[in-house]
């Protein structure tokens, strides 16, 4: 079975149907209002997860090409966290 990624317009429309926008989801996560749009055009696990959470579906359902290999096996992906800088005292 071939899995097709959702079209970006479909993602945006589903967010609107749920009463929110990409900008609102982005701002709620502490990001610039346009930052989350990056997940629509390139792999970005953190952004994909934020959108998936807002839609109530798994990220791999929205972007199967980013989460499954050619054999249909789930590719483990986790959001990268920024290193925390500590100030020496």
PDB file of N, CA and C in Angstrom:
ATOM      1  N   UNK A   1       0.836  -1.179   0.000  1.00  0.00           N
ATOM      2  CA  UNK A   1       0.000   0.000   0.000  1.00  0.00           C
ATOM      3  C   UNK A   1       0.886   1.251   0.000  1.00  0.00           C
ATOM      4  N   UNK A   2       0.642   2.138  -0.921  1.00  0.00           N
ATOM      5  CA  UNK A   2       1.397   3.379  -1.020  1.00  0.00           C
ATOM      6  C   UNK A   2       0.710   4.431  -0.150  1.00  0.00           C
ATOM      7  N   UNK A   3       1.482   5.026   0.715  1.00  0.00           N
ATOM      8  CA  UNK A   3       0.951   6.074   1.584  1.00  0.00           C
ATOM      9  C   UNK A   3       1.372   7.426   1.028  1.00  0.00           C
ATOM     10  N   UNK A   4       0.423   8.311   0.897  1.00  0.00           N
ATOM     11  CA  UNK A   4       0.664   9.635   0.328  1.00  0.00           C
ATOM     12  C   UNK A   4       0.581  10.689   1.436  1.00  0.00           C
ATOM     13  N   UNK A   5       1.543  11.610   1.432  1.00  0.00           N
ATOM     14  CA  UNK A   5       1.513  12.718   2.390  1.00  0.00           C
ATOM     15  C   UNK A   5       0.295  13.600   2.133  1.00  0.00           C
ATOM     16  N   UNK A   6      -0.238  14.161   3.190  1.00  0.00           N
ATOM     17  CA  UNK A   6      -1.333  15.106   3.040  1.00  0.00           C
ATOM     18  C   UNK A   6      -0.815  16.345   2.316  1.00  0.00           C
ATOM     19  N   UNK A   7      -1.646  16.935   1.514  1.00  0.00           N
ATOM     20  CA  UNK A   7      -1.303  18.194   0.849  1.00  0.00           C
ATOM     21  C   UNK A   7      -1.313  19.302   1.902  1.00  0.00           C
ATOM     22  N   UNK A   8      -0.416  20.261   1.768  1.00  0.00           N
ATOM     23  CA  UNK A   8      -0.326  21.337   2.760  1.00  0.00           C
ATOM     24  C   UNK A   8      -1.642  22.114   2.886  1.00  0.00           C
ATOM     25  N   UNK A   9      -2.359  22.279   1.782  1.00  0.00           N
ATOM     26  CA  UNK A   9      -3.651  22.975   1.841  1.00  0.00           C
ATOM     27  C   UNK A   9      -4.661  22.181   2.664  1.00  0.00           C
ATOM     28  N   UNK A  10      -4.584  20.851   2.608  1.00  0.00           N
ATOM     29  CA  UNK A  10      -5.480  20.013   3.409  1.00  0.00           C
ATOM     30  C   UNK A  10      -5.162  20.139   4.896  1.00  0.00           C
ATOM     31  N   UNK A  11      -3.881  20.223   5.225  1.00  0.00           N
ATOM     32  CA  UNK A  11      -3.471  20.386   6.621  1.00  0.00           C
ATOM     33  C   UNK A  11      -4.000  21.715   7.154  1.00  0.00           C
ATOM     34  N   UNK A  12      -3.801  22.768   6.390  1.00  0.00           N
ATOM     35  CA  UNK A  12      -4.259  24.098   6.798  1.00  0.00           C
ATOM     36  C   UNK A  12      -5.780  24.126   6.935  1.00  0.00           C
ATOM     37  N   UNK A  13      -6.485  23.506   5.992  1.00  0.00           N
ATOM     38  CA  UNK A  13      -7.950  23.467   6.043  1.00  0.00           C
ATOM     39  C   UNK A  13      -8.439  22.703   7.270  1.00  0.00           C
ATOM     40  N   UNK A  14      -7.777  21.610   7.599  1.00  0.00           N
ATOM     41  CA  UNK A  14      -8.191  20.840   8.783  1.00  0.00           C
ATOM     42  C   UNK A  14      -7.953  21.625  10.066  1.00  0.00           C
ATOM     43  N   UNK A  15      -6.873  22.385  10.101  1.00  0.00           N
ATOM     44  CA  UNK A  15      -6.645  23.243  11.267  1.00  0.00           C
ATOM     45  C   UNK A  15      -7.762  24.274  11.382  1.00  0.00           C
ATOM     46  N   UNK A  16      -8.149  24.870  10.261  1.00  0.00           N
ATOM     47  CA  UNK A  16      -9.238  25.857  10.268  1.00  0.00           C
ATOM     48  C   UNK A  16     -10.537  25.215  10.739  1.00  0.00           C
ATOM     49  N   UNK A  17     -10.806  23.990  10.301  1.00  0.00           N
ATOM     50  CA  UNK A  17     -12.022  23.292  10.730  1.00  0.00           C
ATOM     51  C   UNK A  17     -12.017  23.031  12.231  1.00  0.00           C
ATOM     52  N   UNK A  18     -10.825  22.936  12.812  1.00  0.00           N
ATOM     53  CA  UNK A  18     -10.699  22.734  14.259  1.00  0.00           C
ATOM     54  C   UNK A  18     -10.640  24.066  15.009  1.00  0.00           C
ATOM     55  N   UNK A  19     -10.792  25.165  14.268  1.00  0.00           N
ATOM     56  CA  UNK A  19     -10.858  26.475  14.891  1.00  0.00           C
ATOM     57  C   UNK A  19      -9.523  27.115  15.209  1.00  0.00           C
ATOM     58  N   UNK A  20      -8.476  26.706  14.496  1.00  0.00           N
ATOM     59  CA  UNK A  20      -7.166  27.291  14.743  1.00  0.00           C
ATOM     60  C   UNK A  20      -6.434  27.517  13.428  1.00  0.00           C
ATOM     61  N   UNK A  21      -5.245  28.056  13.513  1.00  0.00           N
ATOM     62  CA  UNK A  21      -4.431  28.325  12.329  1.00  0.00           C
ATOM     63  C   UNK A  21      -3.006  27.864  12.587  1.00  0.00           C
ATOM     64  N   UNK A  22      -2.222  27.800  11.522  1.00  0.00           N
ATOM     65  CA  UNK A  22      -0.803  27.469  11.668  1.00  0.00           C
ATOM     66  C   UNK A  22      -0.131  28.506  12.562  1.00  0.00           C
ATOM     67  N   UNK A  23      -0.456  29.774  12.350  1.00  0.00           N
ATOM     68  CA  UNK A  23       0.155  30.846  13.139  1.00  0.00           C
ATOM     69  C   UNK A  23      -0.190  30.708  14.618  1.00  0.00           C
ATOM     70  N   UNK A  24      -1.432  30.381  14.925  1.00  0.00           N
ATOM     71  CA  UNK A  24      -1.849  30.240  16.323  1.00  0.00           C
ATOM     72  C   UNK A  24      -1.146  29.066  16.997  1.00  0.00           C
ATOM     73  N   UNK A  25      -1.044  27.948  16.297  1.00  0.00           N
ATOM     74  CA  UNK A  25      -0.346  26.781  16.846  1.00  0.00           C
ATOM     75  C   UNK A  25       1.121  27.118  17.060  1.00  0.00           C
ATOM     76  N   UNK A  26       1.696  27.815  16.114  1.00  0.00           N
ATOM     77  CA  UNK A  26       3.098  28.213  16.203  1.00  0.00           C
ATOM     78  C   UNK A  26       3.333  29.124  17.406  1.00  0.00           C
ATOM     79  N   UNK A  27       2.501  30.141  17.552  1.00  0.00           N
ATOM     80  CA  UNK A  27       2.652  31.075  18.679  1.00  0.00           C
ATOM     81  C   UNK A  27       2.424  30.381  20.018  1.00  0.00           C
ATOM     82  N   UNK A  28       1.463  29.457  20.065  1.00  0.00           N
ATOM     83  CA  UNK A  28       1.188  28.729  21.309  1.00  0.00           C
ATOM     84  C   UNK A  28       2.387  27.900  21.752  1.00  0.00           C
ATOM     85  N   UNK A  29       3.221  27.514  20.799  1.00  0.00           N
ATOM     86  CA  UNK A  29       4.423  26.734  21.105  1.00  0.00           C
ATOM     87  C   UNK A  29       5.625  27.634  21.385  1.00  0.00           C
ATOM     88  N   UNK A  30       5.400  28.947  21.388  1.00  0.00           N
ATOM     89  CA  UNK A  30       6.478  29.882  21.658  1.00  0.00           C
ATOM     90  C   UNK A  30       7.349  30.179  20.455  1.00  0.00           C
ATOM     91  N   UNK A  31       6.828  29.906  19.272  1.00  0.00           N
ATOM     92  CA  UNK A  31       7.575  30.134  18.038  1.00  0.00           C
ATOM     93  C   UNK A  31       7.035  31.365  17.322  1.00  0.00           C
ATOM     94  N   UNK A  32       7.801  31.877  16.381  1.00  0.00           N
ATOM     95  CA  UNK A  32       7.336  32.949  15.515  1.00  0.00           C
ATOM     96  C   UNK A  32       6.125  32.433  14.751  1.00  0.00           C
ATOM     97  N   UNK A  33       5.196  33.296  14.438  1.00  0.00           N
ATOM     98  CA  UNK A  33       3.947  32.856  13.807  1.00  0.00           C
ATOM     99  C   UNK A  33       4.138  32.146  12.474  1.00  0.00           C
ATOM    100  N   UNK A  34       5.231  32.405  11.776  1.00  0.00           N
ATOM    101  CA  UNK A  34       5.440  31.754  10.476  1.00  0.00           C
ATOM    102  C   UNK A  34       6.366  30.538  10.544  1.00  0.00           C
ATOM    103  N   UNK A  35       6.976  30.288  11.681  1.00  0.00           N
ATOM    104  CA  UNK A  35       7.972  29.220  11.801  1.00  0.00           C
ATOM    105  C   UNK A  35       7.403  27.840  11.517  1.00  0.00           C
ATOM    106  N   UNK A  36       6.218  27.563  11.991  1.00  0.00           N
ATOM    107  CA  UNK A  36       5.643  26.228  11.855  1.00  0.00           C
ATOM    108  C   UNK A  36       5.408  25.839  10.402  1.00  0.00           C
ATOM    109  N   UNK A  37       5.297  26.811   9.528  1.00  0.00           N
ATOM    110  CA  UNK A  37       5.136  26.528   8.102  1.00  0.00           C
ATOM    111  C   UNK A  37       6.290  25.734   7.523  1.00  0.00           C
ATOM    112  N   UNK A  38       7.450  25.779   8.167  1.00  0.00           N
ATOM    113  CA  UNK A  38       8.596  24.998   7.696  1.00  0.00           C
ATOM    114  C   UNK A  38       8.296  23.506   7.659  1.00  0.00           C
ATOM    115  N   UNK A  39       7.483  23.034   8.588  1.00  0.00           N
ATOM    116  CA  UNK A  39       7.161  21.605   8.634  1.00  0.00           C
ATOM    117  C   UNK A  39       6.344  21.166   7.424  1.00  0.00           C
ATOM    118  N   UNK A  40       5.695  22.099   6.759  1.00  0.00           N
ATOM    119  CA  UNK A  40       4.914  21.746   5.572  1.00  0.00           C
ATOM    120  C   UNK A  40       5.798  21.464   4.369  1.00  0.00           C
ATOM    121  N   UNK A  41       7.008  22.029   4.357  1.00  0.00           N
ATOM    122  CA  UNK A  41       7.849  21.898   3.167  1.00  0.00           C
ATOM    123  C   UNK A  41       9.120  21.097   3.374  1.00  0.00           C
ATOM    124  N   UNK A  42       9.477  20.837   4.632  1.00  0.00           N
ATOM    125  CA  UNK A  42      10.687  20.042   4.887  1.00  0.00           C
ATOM    126  C   UNK A  42      10.522  19.280   6.195  1.00  0.00           C
ATOM    127  N   UNK A  43      11.217  18.168   6.329  1.00  0.00           N
ATOM    128  CA  UNK A  43      11.118  17.406   7.579  1.00  0.00           C
ATOM    129  C   UNK A  43      11.585  18.229   8.782  1.00  0.00           C
ATOM    130  N   UNK A  44      10.755  18.250   9.793  1.00  0.00           N
ATOM    131  CA  UNK A  44      11.062  18.914  11.058  1.00  0.00           C
ATOM    132  C   UNK A  44      10.194  18.244  12.127  1.00  0.00           C
ATOM    133  N   UNK A  45      10.726  17.218  12.790  1.00  0.00           N
ATOM    134  CA  UNK A  45       9.929  16.434  13.736  1.00  0.00           C
ATOM    135  C   UNK A  45       9.172  17.256  14.780  1.00  0.00           C
ATOM    136  N   UNK A  46       9.804  18.261  15.353  1.00  0.00           N
ATOM    137  CA  UNK A  46       9.116  19.068  16.373  1.00  0.00           C
ATOM    138  C   UNK A  46       7.895  19.757  15.775  1.00  0.00           C
ATOM    139  N   UNK A  47       8.063  20.397  14.632  1.00  0.00           N
ATOM    140  CA  UNK A  47       6.952  21.082  13.987  1.00  0.00           C
ATOM    141  C   UNK A  47       5.867  20.121  13.537  1.00  0.00           C
ATOM    142  N   UNK A  48       6.278  18.975  13.007  1.00  0.00           N
ATOM    143  CA  UNK A  48       5.316  17.957  12.577  1.00  0.00           C
ATOM    144  C   UNK A  48       4.468  17.504  13.755  1.00  0.00           C
ATOM    145  N   UNK A  49       5.111  17.324  14.909  1.00  0.00           N
ATOM    146  CA  UNK A  49       4.381  16.871  16.091  1.00  0.00           C
ATOM    147  C   UNK A  49       3.421  17.937  16.601  1.00  0.00           C
ATOM    148  N   UNK A  50       3.823  19.189  16.548  1.00  0.00           N
ATOM    149  CA  UNK A  50       2.928  20.273  16.964  1.00  0.00           C
ATOM    150  C   UNK A  50       1.670  20.303  16.096  1.00  0.00           C
ATOM    151  N   UNK A  51       1.853  20.165  14.796  1.00  0.00           N
ATOM    152  CA  UNK A  51       0.709  20.154  13.874  1.00  0.00           C
ATOM    153  C   UNK A  51      -0.152  18.922  14.120  1.00  0.00           C
ATOM    154  N   UNK A  52       0.479  17.772  14.258  1.00  0.00           N
ATOM    155  CA  UNK A  52      -0.259  16.526  14.491  1.00  0.00           C
ATOM    156  C   UNK A  52      -1.074  16.610  15.780  1.00  0.00           C
ATOM    157  N   UNK A  53      -0.476  17.155  16.832  1.00  0.00           N
ATOM    158  CA  UNK A  53      -1.198  17.305  18.096  1.00  0.00           C
ATOM    159  C   UNK A  53      -2.409  18.218  17.928  1.00  0.00           C
ATOM    160  N   UNK A  54      -2.243  19.301  17.180  1.00  0.00           N
ATOM    161  CA  UNK A  54      -3.352  20.230  16.953  1.00  0.00           C
ATOM    162  C   UNK A  54      -4.479  19.573  16.160  1.00  0.00           C
ATOM    163  N   UNK A  55      -4.114  18.619  15.299  1.00  0.00           N
ATOM    164  CA  UNK A  55      -5.115  17.927  14.479  1.00  0.00           C
ATOM    165  C   UNK A  55      -5.656  16.662  15.143  1.00  0.00           C
ATOM    166  N   UNK A  56      -4.974  16.199  16.183  1.00  0.00           N
ATOM    167  CA  UNK A  56      -5.420  14.989  16.871  1.00  0.00           C
ATOM    168  C   UNK A  56      -5.138  13.712  16.110  1.00  0.00           C
ATOM    169  N   UNK A  57      -4.103  13.724  15.278  1.00  0.00           N
ATOM    170  CA  UNK A  57      -3.700  12.523  14.535  1.00  0.00           C
ATOM    171  C   UNK A  57      -2.189  12.342  14.672  1.00  0.00           C
ATOM    172  N   UNK A  58      -1.694  11.121  14.490  1.00  0.00           N
ATOM    173  CA  UNK A  58      -0.242  10.927  14.553  1.00  0.00           C
ATOM    174  C   UNK A  58       0.462  11.603  13.377  1.00  0.00           C
ATOM    175  N   UNK A  59       1.656  12.108  13.623  1.00  0.00           N
ATOM    176  CA  UNK A  59       2.423  12.779  12.569  1.00  0.00           C
ATOM    177  C   UNK A  59       2.695  11.843  11.402  1.00  0.00           C
ATOM    178  N   UNK A  60       2.887  10.553  11.676  1.00  0.00           N
ATOM    179  CA  UNK A  60       3.170   9.613  10.589  1.00  0.00           C
ATOM    180  C   UNK A  60       1.979   9.417   9.668  1.00  0.00           C
ATOM    181  N   UNK A  61       0.785   9.767  10.130  1.00  0.00           N
ATOM    182  CA  UNK A  61      -0.392   9.684   9.264  1.00  0.00           C
ATOM    183  C   UNK A  61      -0.423  10.861   8.283  1.00  0.00           C
ATOM    184  N   UNK A  62       0.069  12.003   8.723  1.00  0.00           N
ATOM    185  CA  UNK A  62       0.088  13.196   7.879  1.00  0.00           C
ATOM    186  C   UNK A  62       1.227  13.129   6.864  1.00  0.00           C
ATOM    187  N   UNK A  63       2.407  12.693   7.322  1.00  0.00           N
ATOM    188  CA  UNK A  63       3.604  12.634   6.476  1.00  0.00           C
ATOM    189  C   UNK A  63       4.198  11.228   6.457  1.00  0.00           C
ATOM    190  N   UNK A  64       3.526  10.258   5.864  1.00  0.00           N
ATOM    191  CA  UNK A  64       4.070   8.893   5.871  1.00  0.00           C
ATOM    192  C   UNK A  64       5.431   8.785   5.193  1.00  0.00           C
ATOM    193  N   UNK A  65       5.705   9.619   4.204  1.00  0.00           N
ATOM    194  CA  UNK A  65       7.001   9.535   3.518  1.00  0.00           C
ATOM    195  C   UNK A  65       8.157   9.886   4.448  1.00  0.00           C
ATOM    196  N   UNK A  66       7.867  10.612   5.497  1.00  0.00           N
ATOM    197  CA  UNK A  66       8.906  11.011   6.450  1.00  0.00           C
ATOM    198  C   UNK A  66       9.070  10.003   7.579  1.00  0.00           C
ATOM    199  N   UNK A  67       8.128   9.090   7.712  1.00  0.00           N
ATOM    200  CA  UNK A  67       8.127   8.180   8.852  1.00  0.00           C
ATOM    201  C   UNK A  67       8.226   6.701   8.495  1.00  0.00           C
ATOM    202  N   UNK A  68       8.088   6.357   7.225  1.00  0.00           N
ATOM    203  CA  UNK A  68       8.157   4.956   6.812  1.00  0.00           C
ATOM    204  C   UNK A  68       9.216   4.782   5.735  1.00  0.00           C
ATOM    205  N   UNK A  69       9.946   3.663   5.802  1.00  0.00           N
ATOM    206  CA  UNK A  69      10.935   3.373   4.760  1.00  0.00           C
ATOM    207  C   UNK A  69      10.253   2.699   3.575  1.00  0.00           C
ATOM    208  N   UNK A  70      11.046   2.293   2.592  1.00  0.00           N
ATOM    209  CA  UNK A  70      10.500   1.694   1.365  1.00  0.00           C
ATOM    210  C   UNK A  70       9.765   0.380   1.625  1.00  0.00           C
ATOM    211  N   UNK A  71      10.117  -0.311   2.705  1.00  0.00           N
ATOM    212  CA  UNK A  71       9.461  -1.575   3.049  1.00  0.00           C
ATOM    213  C   UNK A  71       8.228  -1.363   3.929  1.00  0.00           C
ATOM    214  N   UNK A  72       7.917  -0.123   4.229  1.00  0.00           N
ATOM    215  CA  UNK A  72       6.755   0.166   5.054  1.00  0.00           C
ATOM    216  C   UNK A  72       7.022   0.091   6.546  1.00  0.00           C
ATOM    217  N   UNK A  73       8.290   0.015   6.928  1.00  0.00           N
ATOM    218  CA  UNK A  73       8.654  -0.046   8.344  1.00  0.00           C
ATOM    219  C   UNK A  73       8.762   1.373   8.908  1.00  0.00           C
ATOM    220  N   UNK A  74       8.233   1.540  10.102  1.00  0.00           N
ATOM    221  CA  UNK A  74       8.284   2.839  10.756  1.00  0.00           C
ATOM    222  C   UNK A  74       9.724   3.208  11.085  1.00  0.00           C
ATOM    223  N   UNK A  75      10.129   4.401  10.688  1.00  0.00           N
ATOM    224  CA  UNK A  75      11.466   4.916  10.971  1.00  0.00           C
ATOM    225  C   UNK A  75      11.377   5.676  12.292  1.00  0.00           C
ATOM    226  N   UNK A  76      12.170   5.284  13.285  1.00  0.00           N
ATOM    227  CA  UNK A  76      12.106   6.023  14.556  1.00  0.00           C
ATOM    228  C   UNK A  76      12.638   7.446  14.391  1.00  0.00           C
ATOM    229  N   UNK A  77      11.835   8.418  14.764  1.00  0.00           N
ATOM    230  CA  UNK A  77      12.229   9.827  14.684  1.00  0.00           C
ATOM    231  C   UNK A  77      11.811  10.501  15.971  1.00  0.00           C
ATOM    232  N   UNK A  78      12.708  11.268  16.516  1.00  0.00           N
ATOM    233  CA  UNK A  78      12.383  12.025  17.716  1.00  0.00           C
ATOM    234  C   UNK A  78      12.822  13.469  17.523  1.00  0.00           C
ATOM    235  N   UNK A  79      12.069  14.390  18.090  1.00  0.00           N
ATOM    236  CA  UNK A  79      12.477  15.788  17.994  1.00  0.00           C
ATOM    237  C   UNK A  79      13.799  16.009  18.725  1.00  0.00           C
ATOM    238  N   UNK A  80      14.645  16.802  18.120  1.00  0.00           N
ATOM    239  CA  UNK A  80      15.906  17.156  18.777  1.00  0.00           C
ATOM    240  C   UNK A  80      15.645  18.299  19.742  1.00  0.00           C
ATOM    241  N   UNK A  81      16.292  18.223  20.878  1.00  0.00           N
ATOM    242  CA  UNK A  81      16.164  19.326  21.822  1.00  0.00           C
ATOM    243  C   UNK A  81      17.445  20.138  21.800  1.00  0.00           C
ATOM    244  N   UNK A  82      17.297  21.394  22.064  1.00  0.00           N
ATOM    245  CA  UNK A  82      18.465  22.272  22.098  1.00  0.00           C
ATOM    246  C   UNK A  82      19.223  22.023  23.392  1.00  0.00           C
ATOM    247  N   UNK A  83      20.542  22.076  23.321  1.00  0.00           N
ATOM    248  CA  UNK A  83      21.303  21.926  24.564  1.00  0.00           C
ATOM    249  C   UNK A  83      21.033  23.109  25.484  1.00  0.00           C
ATOM    250  N   UNK A  84      20.940  22.798  26.742  1.00  0.00           N
ATOM    251  CA  UNK A  84      20.705  23.859  27.721  1.00  0.00           C
ATOM    252  C   UNK A  84      22.040  24.437  28.140  1.00  0.00           C
ATOM    253  N   UNK A  85      22.134  25.722  28.016  1.00  0.00           N
ATOM    254  CA  UNK A  85      23.360  26.405  28.415  1.00  0.00           C
ATOM    255  C   UNK A  85      23.237  26.798  29.881  1.00  0.00           C
ATOM    256  N   UNK A  86      24.223  26.415  30.632  1.00  0.00           N
ATOM    257  CA  UNK A  86      24.221  26.777  32.040  1.00  0.00           C
ATOM    258  C   UNK A  86      25.330  27.784  32.290  1.00  0.00           C
ATOM    259  N   UNK A  87      25.062  28.651  33.202  1.00  0.00           N
ATOM    260  CA  UNK A  87      26.045  29.672  33.533  1.00  0.00           C
ATOM    261  C   UNK A  87      26.849  29.178  34.728  1.00  0.00           C
ATOM    262  N   UNK A  88      28.168  29.157  34.578  1.00  0.00           N
ATOM    263  CA  UNK A  88      29.029  28.737  35.678  1.00  0.00           C
ATOM    264  C   UNK A  88      29.023  29.803  36.756  1.00  0.00           C
ATOM    265  N   UNK A  89      28.898  29.354  37.970  1.00  0.00           N
ATOM    266  CA  UNK A  89      28.886  30.304  39.097  1.00  0.00           C
ATOM    267  C   UNK A  89      30.094  30.093  39.957  1.00  0.00           C
TER     268      UNK A  89
END
